[in-house]
Amino acid sequence: MYDPFSPDFDPIAALQRSPSGDEEDAPGSLDDFEKELVRDLPEVARIICELDEQEKQEKQEQQPVEVKEKSKKQQKRDRIARLEGMMKPGRTLFEKPQAKGGTVDVDSLHSQWSIGPMSLLHRALKENTRVEVHIRALNRVDRIARGYPIAFDKHINIVLRDVDEVALPGRKEERAFGRRQLQERLLPIGMRWQPGGTWPRPLGACRNVLRRHIPCSVIKGDTVVLVRCITFRTSHIFIDEIEPGCLYR
């Protein structure tokens, strides 16, 4: 009746109900508090139960005469009083949850970083300009992705659409690529690597460059080495390979 998520919820009865409770506990109040206490601090809950048992035994020894049983309302008031006595100074038994921090939009990020990859990605996103992202493996750049940015965050995690991607596999990867050709055939056509493509640096005659076109790509920020606008070649930002997150112009 008092649960707002219950099909038989009665708003009038819930408004008229006393905070101390007349019939039953409201959801998320005293019972939930004690359940959380038992779950998070079982040792404290055990000590509280032992103290309650000792208190009952002492009262029974001091008052051998039969005492009238307390009503449910009085028992609940006693429970609240005991729990309030255990609260830290300045804290209350029932507190509203703290509001979560607000989200930061792209414009505010751009105002905070007027220069650097944030402003470059923001401009490319607003002007619908393609960017080129150099992606590293363990110790070298092995992939280059060119596409239109549609989302990014302060960790340089980037989402690109309409992506042209080229890869330069290492010697061991080339041998593994031959063993994985059967597995490659099971992938969608758009995700299969094809021989060809151009690499910005000169390569030996035995090096193979792979290419593919995919509709969307998610790039982790800790693998990004360089971000630049393709139409503005003078605007480029380097990111330290050893300590991701340290930005250098």
C-alpha atoms as a PDB file:
ATOM      1  CA  MET A   1       0.000   0.000   0.000  1.00  0.00           C
ATOM      2  CA  TYR A   2       2.870   2.366   0.834  1.00  0.00           C
ATOM      3  CA  ASP A   3       5.305   1.093  -1.806  1.00  0.00           C
ATOM      4  CA  PRO A   4       5.217   3.532  -4.778  1.00  0.00           C
ATOM      5  CA  PHE A   5       6.252   0.696  -7.118  1.00  0.00           C
ATOM      6  CA  SER A   6       3.497  -1.644  -5.945  1.00  0.00           C
ATOM      7  CA  PRO A   7       0.314  -2.050  -8.055  1.00  0.00           C
ATOM      8  CA  ASP A   8      -1.872  -1.396  -4.965  1.00  0.00           C
ATOM      9  CA  PHE A   9      -0.076   1.848  -4.025  1.00  0.00           C
ATOM     10  CA  ASP A  10      -2.387   4.312  -2.246  1.00  0.00           C
ATOM     11  CA  PRO A  11      -0.954   7.879  -2.373  1.00  0.00           C
ATOM     12  CA  ILE A  12      -3.519   9.296   0.098  1.00  0.00           C
ATOM     13  CA  ALA A  13      -2.775   6.653   2.708  1.00  0.00           C
ATOM     14  CA  ALA A  14       0.970   7.151   2.179  1.00  0.00           C
ATOM     15  CA  LEU A  15       0.674  10.919   2.747  1.00  0.00           C
ATOM     16  CA  GLN A  16      -1.442  10.511   5.880  1.00  0.00           C
ATOM     17  CA  ARG A  17       0.872   7.894   7.367  1.00  0.00           C
ATOM     18  CA  SER A  18       3.068   8.991  10.303  1.00  0.00           C
ATOM     19  CA  PRO A  19       6.874   8.875   9.746  1.00  0.00           C
ATOM     20  CA  SER A  20       7.196   6.655  12.831  1.00  0.00           C
ATOM     21  CA  GLY A  21       4.990   4.038  11.168  1.00  0.00           C
ATOM     22  CA  ASP A  22       1.578   2.716  12.129  1.00  0.00           C
ATOM     23  CA  GLU A  23       1.291  -0.625  10.401  1.00  0.00           C
ATOM     24  CA  GLU A  24       4.427  -1.572   8.555  1.00  0.00           C
ATOM     25  CA  ASP A  25       7.785  -0.216   7.489  1.00  0.00           C
ATOM     26  CA  ALA A  26       7.960   1.827   4.336  1.00  0.00           C
ATOM     27  CA  PRO A  27      10.382   0.499   1.704  1.00  0.00           C
ATOM     28  CA  GLY A  28      13.847   1.895   2.001  1.00  0.00           C
ATOM     29  CA  SER A  29      13.522   2.930   5.649  1.00  0.00           C
ATOM     30  CA  LEU A  30      14.361   1.128   8.896  1.00  0.00           C
ATOM     31  CA  ASP A  31      14.302  -2.504   7.746  1.00  0.00           C
ATOM     32  CA  ASP A  32      16.499  -1.698   4.756  1.00  0.00           C
ATOM     33  CA  PHE A  33      18.914   0.149   7.065  1.00  0.00           C
ATOM     34  CA  GLU A  34      19.249  -2.889   9.316  1.00  0.00           C
ATOM     35  CA  LYS A  35      19.643  -5.221   6.324  1.00  0.00           C
ATOM     36  CA  GLU A  36      22.459  -3.045   4.964  1.00  0.00           C
ATOM     37  CA  LEU A  37      24.059  -3.015   8.419  1.00  0.00           C
ATOM     38  CA  VAL A  38      23.974  -6.829   8.619  1.00  0.00           C
ATOM     39  CA  ARG A  39      25.325  -7.184   5.091  1.00  0.00           C
ATOM     40  CA  ASP A  40      28.142  -4.607   5.297  1.00  0.00           C
ATOM     41  CA  LEU A  41      29.082  -4.886   8.997  1.00  0.00           C
ATOM     42  CA  PRO A  42      28.167  -8.383  10.211  1.00  0.00           C
ATOM     43  CA  GLU A  43      30.481  -8.159  13.232  1.00  0.00           C
ATOM     44  CA  VAL A  44      28.817  -4.944  14.419  1.00  0.00           C
ATOM     45  CA  ALA A  45      25.368  -6.485  13.926  1.00  0.00           C
ATOM     46  CA  ARG A  46      26.393  -9.543  15.960  1.00  0.00           C
ATOM     47  CA  ILE A  47      27.662  -7.357  18.812  1.00  0.00           C
ATOM     48  CA  ILE A  48      24.407  -5.365  18.773  1.00  0.00           C
ATOM     49  CA  CYS A  49      22.361  -8.567  19.036  1.00  0.00           C
ATOM     50  CA  GLU A  50      24.520  -9.790  21.935  1.00  0.00           C
ATOM     51  CA  LEU A  51      24.090  -6.469  23.750  1.00  0.00           C
ATOM     52  CA  ASP A  52      20.325  -6.617  23.225  1.00  0.00           C
ATOM     53  CA  GLU A  53      20.227 -10.142  24.655  1.00  0.00           C
ATOM     54  CA  GLN A  54      22.289  -9.078  27.676  1.00  0.00           C
ATOM     55  CA  GLU A  55      19.990  -6.105  28.213  1.00  0.00           C
ATOM     56  CA  LYS A  56      16.927  -8.346  28.119  1.00  0.00           C
ATOM     57  CA  GLN A  57      18.474 -10.811  30.568  1.00  0.00           C
ATOM     58  CA  GLU A  58      19.429  -8.020  32.987  1.00  0.00           C
ATOM     59  CA  LYS A  59      15.923  -6.594  32.882  1.00  0.00           C
ATOM     60  CA  GLN A  60      14.428 -10.024  33.493  1.00  0.00           C
ATOM     61  CA  GLU A  61      16.727 -10.543  36.484  1.00  0.00           C
ATOM     62  CA  GLN A  62      15.977  -7.097  37.906  1.00  0.00           C
ATOM     63  CA  GLN A  63      12.229  -7.354  37.293  1.00  0.00           C
ATOM     64  CA  PRO A  64      11.125 -10.923  37.932  1.00  0.00           C
ATOM     65  CA  VAL A  65       7.521  -9.755  37.896  1.00  0.00           C
ATOM     66  CA  GLU A  66       5.863 -10.286  34.525  1.00  0.00           C
ATOM     67  CA  VAL A  67       5.904  -7.093  32.473  1.00  0.00           C
ATOM     68  CA  LYS A  68       3.363  -6.262  29.827  1.00  0.00           C
ATOM     69  CA  GLU A  69       4.723  -6.709  26.281  1.00  0.00           C
ATOM     70  CA  LYS A  70       5.440  -3.491  24.403  1.00  0.00           C
ATOM     71  CA  SER A  71       3.355  -2.524  21.420  1.00  0.00           C
ATOM     72  CA  LYS A  72       4.769  -2.606  17.907  1.00  0.00           C
ATOM     73  CA  LYS A  73       4.874   1.188  17.812  1.00  0.00           C
ATOM     74  CA  GLN A  74       6.914   1.348  21.000  1.00  0.00           C
ATOM     75  CA  GLN A  75       9.247  -1.406  19.795  1.00  0.00           C
ATOM     76  CA  LYS A  76       9.865   0.547  16.616  1.00  0.00           C
ATOM     77  CA  ARG A  77      10.546   3.747  18.567  1.00  0.00           C
ATOM     78  CA  ASP A  78      13.058   1.842  20.682  1.00  0.00           C
ATOM     79  CA  ARG A  79      14.747   0.491  17.574  1.00  0.00           C
ATOM     80  CA  ILE A  80      15.057   3.994  16.125  1.00  0.00           C
ATOM     81  CA  ALA A  81      16.428   5.337  19.410  1.00  0.00           C
ATOM     82  CA  ARG A  82      19.073   2.578  19.597  1.00  0.00           C
ATOM     83  CA  LEU A  83      20.174   3.141  16.004  1.00  0.00           C
ATOM     84  CA  GLU A  84      20.297   6.921  16.399  1.00  0.00           C
ATOM     85  CA  GLY A  85      22.530   6.439  19.426  1.00  0.00           C
ATOM     86  CA  MET A  86      25.073   4.661  17.226  1.00  0.00           C
ATOM     87  CA  MET A  87      25.183   7.362  14.527  1.00  0.00           C
ATOM     88  CA  LYS A  88      28.206   9.607  14.081  1.00  0.00           C
ATOM     89  CA  PRO A  89      27.852  13.250  15.158  1.00  0.00           C
ATOM     90  CA  GLY A  90      26.187  15.290  12.456  1.00  0.00           C
ATOM     91  CA  ARG A  91      24.690  12.275  10.664  1.00  0.00           C
ATOM     92  CA  THR A  92      21.061  11.227  10.647  1.00  0.00           C
ATOM     93  CA  LEU A  93      19.418   7.852  10.379  1.00  0.00           C
ATOM     94  CA  PHE A  94      17.687   8.632   7.072  1.00  0.00           C
ATOM     95  CA  GLU A  95      19.588  10.754   4.560  1.00  0.00           C
ATOM     96  CA  LYS A  96      18.843  11.640   0.964  1.00  0.00           C
ATOM     97  CA  PRO A  97      21.320  10.203  -1.551  1.00  0.00           C
ATOM     98  CA  GLN A  98      23.831  12.712  -2.819  1.00  0.00           C
ATOM     99  CA  ALA A  99      23.272  13.962  -6.337  1.00  0.00           C
ATOM    100  CA  LYS A 100      25.743  12.652  -8.892  1.00  0.00           C
ATOM    101  CA  GLY A 101      28.091  15.052 -10.616  1.00  0.00           C
ATOM    102  CA  GLY A 102      26.770  16.656 -13.767  1.00  0.00           C
ATOM    103  CA  THR A 103      27.994  15.644 -17.190  1.00  0.00           C
ATOM    104  CA  VAL A 104      30.467  17.826 -19.065  1.00  0.00           C
ATOM    105  CA  ASP A 105      29.527  18.544 -22.670  1.00  0.00           C
ATOM    106  CA  VAL A 106      31.886  19.056 -25.586  1.00  0.00           C
ATOM    107  CA  ASP A 107      31.604  22.860 -25.532  1.00  0.00           C
ATOM    108  CA  SER A 108      32.770  23.070 -21.918  1.00  0.00           C
ATOM    109  CA  LEU A 109      35.673  20.745 -22.699  1.00  0.00           C
ATOM    110  CA  HIS A 110      36.619  23.007 -25.586  1.00  0.00           C
ATOM    111  CA  SER A 111      36.576  26.048 -23.311  1.00  0.00           C
ATOM    112  CA  GLN A 112      38.855  24.286 -20.821  1.00  0.00           C
ATOM    113  CA  TRP A 113      41.390  23.193 -23.454  1.00  0.00           C
ATOM    114  CA  SER A 114      41.671  25.928 -26.047  1.00  0.00           C
ATOM    115  CA  ILE A 115      44.694  24.190 -27.570  1.00  0.00           C
ATOM    116  CA  GLY A 116      45.566  20.543 -27.874  1.00  0.00           C
ATOM    117  CA  PRO A 117      43.739  17.422 -29.061  1.00  0.00           C
ATOM    118  CA  MET A 118      40.466  18.480 -27.408  1.00  0.00           C
ATOM    119  CA  SER A 119      40.169  21.599 -29.562  1.00  0.00           C
ATOM    120  CA  LEU A 120      41.323  19.725 -32.667  1.00  0.00           C
ATOM    121  CA  LEU A 121      38.777  16.943 -32.228  1.00  0.00           C
ATOM    122  CA  HIS A 122      36.078  19.478 -31.326  1.00  0.00           C
ATOM    123  CA  ARG A 123      36.734  21.434 -34.531  1.00  0.00           C
ATOM    124  CA  ALA A 124      36.758  18.276 -36.640  1.00  0.00           C
ATOM    125  CA  LEU A 125      33.474  17.187 -35.054  1.00  0.00           C
ATOM    126  CA  LYS A 126      31.789  20.552 -35.650  1.00  0.00           C
ATOM    127  CA  GLU A 127      33.117  21.032 -39.195  1.00  0.00           C
ATOM    128  CA  ASN A 128      32.648  17.366 -40.201  1.00  0.00           C
ATOM    129  CA  THR A 129      36.332  17.060 -41.080  1.00  0.00           C
ATOM    130  CA  ARG A 130      38.228  13.810 -41.390  1.00  0.00           C
ATOM    131  CA  VAL A 131      41.038  13.126 -38.951  1.00  0.00           C
ATOM    132  CA  GLU A 132      43.985  10.774 -39.084  1.00  0.00           C
ATOM    133  CA  VAL A 133      44.763   8.775 -35.947  1.00  0.00           C
ATOM    134  CA  HIS A 134      48.043   6.886 -35.582  1.00  0.00           C
ATOM    135  CA  ILE A 135      47.617   3.875 -33.310  1.00  0.00           C
ATOM    136  CA  ARG A 136      50.432   2.051 -31.581  1.00  0.00           C
ATOM    137  CA  ALA A 137      51.014  -1.530 -30.529  1.00  0.00           C
ATOM    138  CA  LEU A 138      53.450  -2.347 -27.703  1.00  0.00           C
ATOM    139  CA  ASN A 139      56.436  -0.373 -28.995  1.00  0.00           C
ATOM    140  CA  ARG A 140      55.636   0.919 -32.483  1.00  0.00           C
ATOM    141  CA  VAL A 141      52.902   2.421 -34.654  1.00  0.00           C
ATOM    142  CA  ASP A 142      51.189  -0.399 -36.527  1.00  0.00           C
ATOM    143  CA  ARG A 143      47.845   1.093 -37.648  1.00  0.00           C
ATOM    144  CA  ILE A 144      46.540   4.346 -39.122  1.00  0.00           C
ATOM    145  CA  ALA A 145      42.816   5.134 -39.171  1.00  0.00           C
ATOM    146  CA  ARG A 146      41.223   7.942 -41.187  1.00  0.00           C
ATOM    147  CA  GLY A 147      37.598   8.841 -40.547  1.00  0.00           C
ATOM    148  CA  TYR A 148      35.053  11.343 -39.267  1.00  0.00           C
ATOM    149  CA  PRO A 149      34.925  11.734 -35.457  1.00  0.00           C
ATOM    150  CA  ILE A 150      31.480  11.371 -33.908  1.00  0.00           C
ATOM    151  CA  ALA A 151      32.431  11.166 -30.200  1.00  0.00           C
ATOM    152  CA  PHE A 152      35.433  11.541 -27.902  1.00  0.00           C
ATOM    153  CA  ASP A 153      36.240  12.136 -24.240  1.00  0.00           C
ATOM    154  CA  LYS A 154      39.005  13.613 -22.084  1.00  0.00           C
ATOM    155  CA  HIS A 155      40.977  10.338 -22.228  1.00  0.00           C
ATOM    156  CA  ILE A 156      41.258  10.649 -26.049  1.00  0.00           C
ATOM    157  CA  ASN A 157      38.939   7.680 -26.568  1.00  0.00           C
ATOM    158  CA  ILE A 158      37.663   8.360 -30.088  1.00  0.00           C
ATOM    159  CA  VAL A 159      34.784   6.961 -32.133  1.00  0.00           C
ATOM    160  CA  LEU A 160      35.182   7.316 -35.913  1.00  0.00           C
ATOM    161  CA  ARG A 161      32.765   6.607 -38.743  1.00  0.00           C
ATOM    162  CA  ASP A 162      33.455   5.813 -42.408  1.00  0.00           C
ATOM    163  CA  VAL A 163      36.955   4.628 -41.510  1.00  0.00           C
ATOM    164  CA  ASP A 164      39.755   3.751 -43.916  1.00  0.00           C
ATOM    165  CA  GLU A 165      42.298   1.756 -41.942  1.00  0.00           C
ATOM    166  CA  VAL A 166      45.758   0.508 -42.898  1.00  0.00           C
ATOM    167  CA  ALA A 167      47.944  -1.810 -40.848  1.00  0.00           C
ATOM    168  CA  LEU A 168      51.608  -2.766 -40.930  1.00  0.00           C
ATOM    169  CA  PRO A 169      51.931  -6.208 -39.296  1.00  0.00           C
ATOM    170  CA  GLY A 170      55.265  -7.250 -37.839  1.00  0.00           C
ATOM    171  CA  ARG A 171      57.284 -10.252 -38.942  1.00  0.00           C
ATOM    172  CA  LYS A 172      55.678 -12.606 -36.432  1.00  0.00           C
ATOM    173  CA  GLU A 173      52.237 -11.184 -37.172  1.00  0.00           C
ATOM    174  CA  GLU A 174      52.672 -11.840 -40.892  1.00  0.00           C
ATOM    175  CA  ARG A 175      53.350 -15.523 -40.200  1.00  0.00           C
ATOM    176  CA  ALA A 176      50.372 -15.643 -37.856  1.00  0.00           C
ATOM    177  CA  PHE A 177      48.252 -13.928 -40.496  1.00  0.00           C
ATOM    178  CA  GLY A 178      48.844 -16.826 -42.847  1.00  0.00           C
ATOM    179  CA  ARG A 179      47.728 -19.324 -40.198  1.00  0.00           C
ATOM    180  CA  ARG A 180      44.619 -17.271 -39.432  1.00  0.00           C
ATOM    181  CA  GLN A 181      43.306 -17.036 -42.985  1.00  0.00           C
ATOM    182  CA  LEU A 182      40.601 -19.618 -42.279  1.00  0.00           C
ATOM    183  CA  GLN A 183      39.469 -17.578 -39.307  1.00  0.00           C
ATOM    184  CA  GLU A 184      39.494 -14.402 -41.421  1.00  0.00           C
ATOM    185  CA  ARG A 185      37.028 -15.960 -43.859  1.00  0.00           C
ATOM    186  CA  LEU A 186      34.455 -16.231 -41.074  1.00  0.00           C
ATOM    187  CA  LEU A 187      34.522 -12.475 -40.442  1.00  0.00           C
ATOM    188  CA  PRO A 188      32.136 -10.065 -42.211  1.00  0.00           C
ATOM    189  CA  ILE A 189      33.454  -8.818 -45.528  1.00  0.00           C
ATOM    190  CA  GLY A 190      33.876  -5.293 -44.222  1.00  0.00           C
ATOM    191  CA  MET A 191      36.163  -6.445 -41.399  1.00  0.00           C
ATOM    192  CA  ARG A 192      38.520  -8.565 -43.493  1.00  0.00           C
ATOM    193  CA  TRP A 193      42.003  -7.237 -44.129  1.00  0.00           C
ATOM    194  CA  GLN A 194      43.013  -6.967 -47.777  1.00  0.00           C
ATOM    195  CA  PRO A 195      46.550  -6.600 -49.157  1.00  0.00           C
ATOM    196  CA  GLY A 196      47.407  -3.113 -50.385  1.00  0.00           C
ATOM    197  CA  GLY A 197      47.284   0.383 -49.003  1.00  0.00           C
ATOM    198  CA  THR A 198      49.918   3.045 -48.507  1.00  0.00           C
ATOM    199  CA  TRP A 199      52.165   3.656 -45.509  1.00  0.00           C
ATOM    200  CA  PRO A 200      53.532   7.157 -44.794  1.00  0.00           C
ATOM    201  CA  ARG A 201      57.117   5.927 -44.419  1.00  0.00           C
ATOM    202  CA  PRO A 202      59.204   3.982 -46.956  1.00  0.00           C
ATOM    203  CA  LEU A 203      59.166   0.229 -46.429  1.00  0.00           C
ATOM    204  CA  GLY A 204      61.246  -2.672 -47.593  1.00  0.00           C
ATOM    205  CA  ALA A 205      60.205  -4.809 -50.523  1.00  0.00           C
ATOM    206  CA  CYS A 206      59.124  -7.689 -48.283  1.00  0.00           C
ATOM    207  CA  ARG A 207      56.833  -5.682 -46.016  1.00  0.00           C
ATOM    208  CA  ASN A 208      53.095  -6.065 -46.597  1.00  0.00           C
ATOM    209  CA  VAL A 209      50.568  -3.330 -45.839  1.00  0.00           C
ATOM    210  CA  LEU A 210      46.968  -4.367 -45.169  1.00  0.00           C
ATOM    211  CA  ARG A 211      43.878  -2.217 -45.607  1.00  0.00           C
ATOM    212  CA  ARG A 212      40.156  -2.313 -44.935  1.00  0.00           C
ATOM    213  CA  HIS A 213      37.130  -0.005 -44.832  1.00  0.00           C
ATOM    214  CA  ILE A 214      34.790  -0.261 -41.830  1.00  0.00           C
ATOM    215  CA  PRO A 215      31.684   1.792 -41.007  1.00  0.00           C
ATOM    216  CA  CYS A 216      32.688   2.506 -37.403  1.00  0.00           C
ATOM    217  CA  SER A 217      35.744   2.153 -35.186  1.00  0.00           C
ATOM    218  CA  VAL A 218      36.338   2.723 -31.455  1.00  0.00           C
ATOM    219  CA  ILE A 219      39.923   3.686 -30.573  1.00  0.00           C
ATOM    220  CA  LYS A 220      41.228   3.522 -27.002  1.00  0.00           C
ATOM    221  CA  GLY A 221      42.977   6.647 -25.818  1.00  0.00           C
ATOM    222  CA  ASP A 222      46.040   4.865 -24.406  1.00  0.00           C
ATOM    223  CA  THR A 223      46.927   3.597 -27.906  1.00  0.00           C
ATOM    224  CA  VAL A 224      46.707   6.986 -29.665  1.00  0.00           C
ATOM    225  CA  VAL A 225      50.067   8.447 -30.716  1.00  0.00           C
ATOM    226  CA  LEU A 226      49.112  11.222 -33.137  1.00  0.00           C
ATOM    227  CA  VAL A 227      45.893  12.983 -34.096  1.00  0.00           C
ATOM    228  CA  ARG A 228      45.696  15.448 -36.966  1.00  0.00           C
ATOM    229  CA  CYS A 229      43.152  16.968 -39.322  1.00  0.00           C
ATOM    230  CA  ILE A 230      43.703  15.784 -42.859  1.00  0.00           C
ATOM    231  CA  THR A 231      42.722  19.132 -44.396  1.00  0.00           C
ATOM    232  CA  PHE A 232      44.916  21.141 -41.984  1.00  0.00           C
ATOM    233  CA  ARG A 233      48.336  19.550 -42.072  1.00  0.00           C
ATOM    234  CA  THR A 234      49.899  22.165 -39.777  1.00  0.00           C
ATOM    235  CA  SER A 235      47.549  21.301 -36.927  1.00  0.00           C
ATOM    236  CA  HIS A 236      48.926  18.185 -35.316  1.00  0.00           C
ATOM    237  CA  ILE A 237      49.233  16.997 -31.749  1.00  0.00           C
ATOM    238  CA  PHE A 238      51.712  14.427 -30.482  1.00  0.00           C
ATOM    239  CA  ILE A 239      50.964  12.245 -27.470  1.00  0.00           C
ATOM    240  CA  ASP A 240      53.753  10.692 -25.444  1.00  0.00           C
ATOM    241  CA  GLU A 241      54.063   6.974 -26.105  1.00  0.00           C
ATOM    242  CA  ILE A 242      55.532   6.113 -22.700  1.00  0.00           C
ATOM    243  CA  GLU A 243      53.036   7.917 -20.483  1.00  0.00           C
ATOM    244  CA  PRO A 244      49.608   8.098 -22.174  1.00  0.00           C
ATOM    245  CA  GLY A 245      47.749  11.220 -21.165  1.00  0.00           C
ATOM    246  CA  CYS A 246      50.787  13.564 -21.210  1.00  0.00           C
ATOM    247  CA  LEU A 247      50.210  15.981 -24.097  1.00  0.00           C
ATOM    248  CA  TYR A 248      52.953  17.760 -26.016  1.00  0.00           C
ATOM    249  CA  ARG A 249      52.538  20.329 -28.762  1.00  0.00           C
END
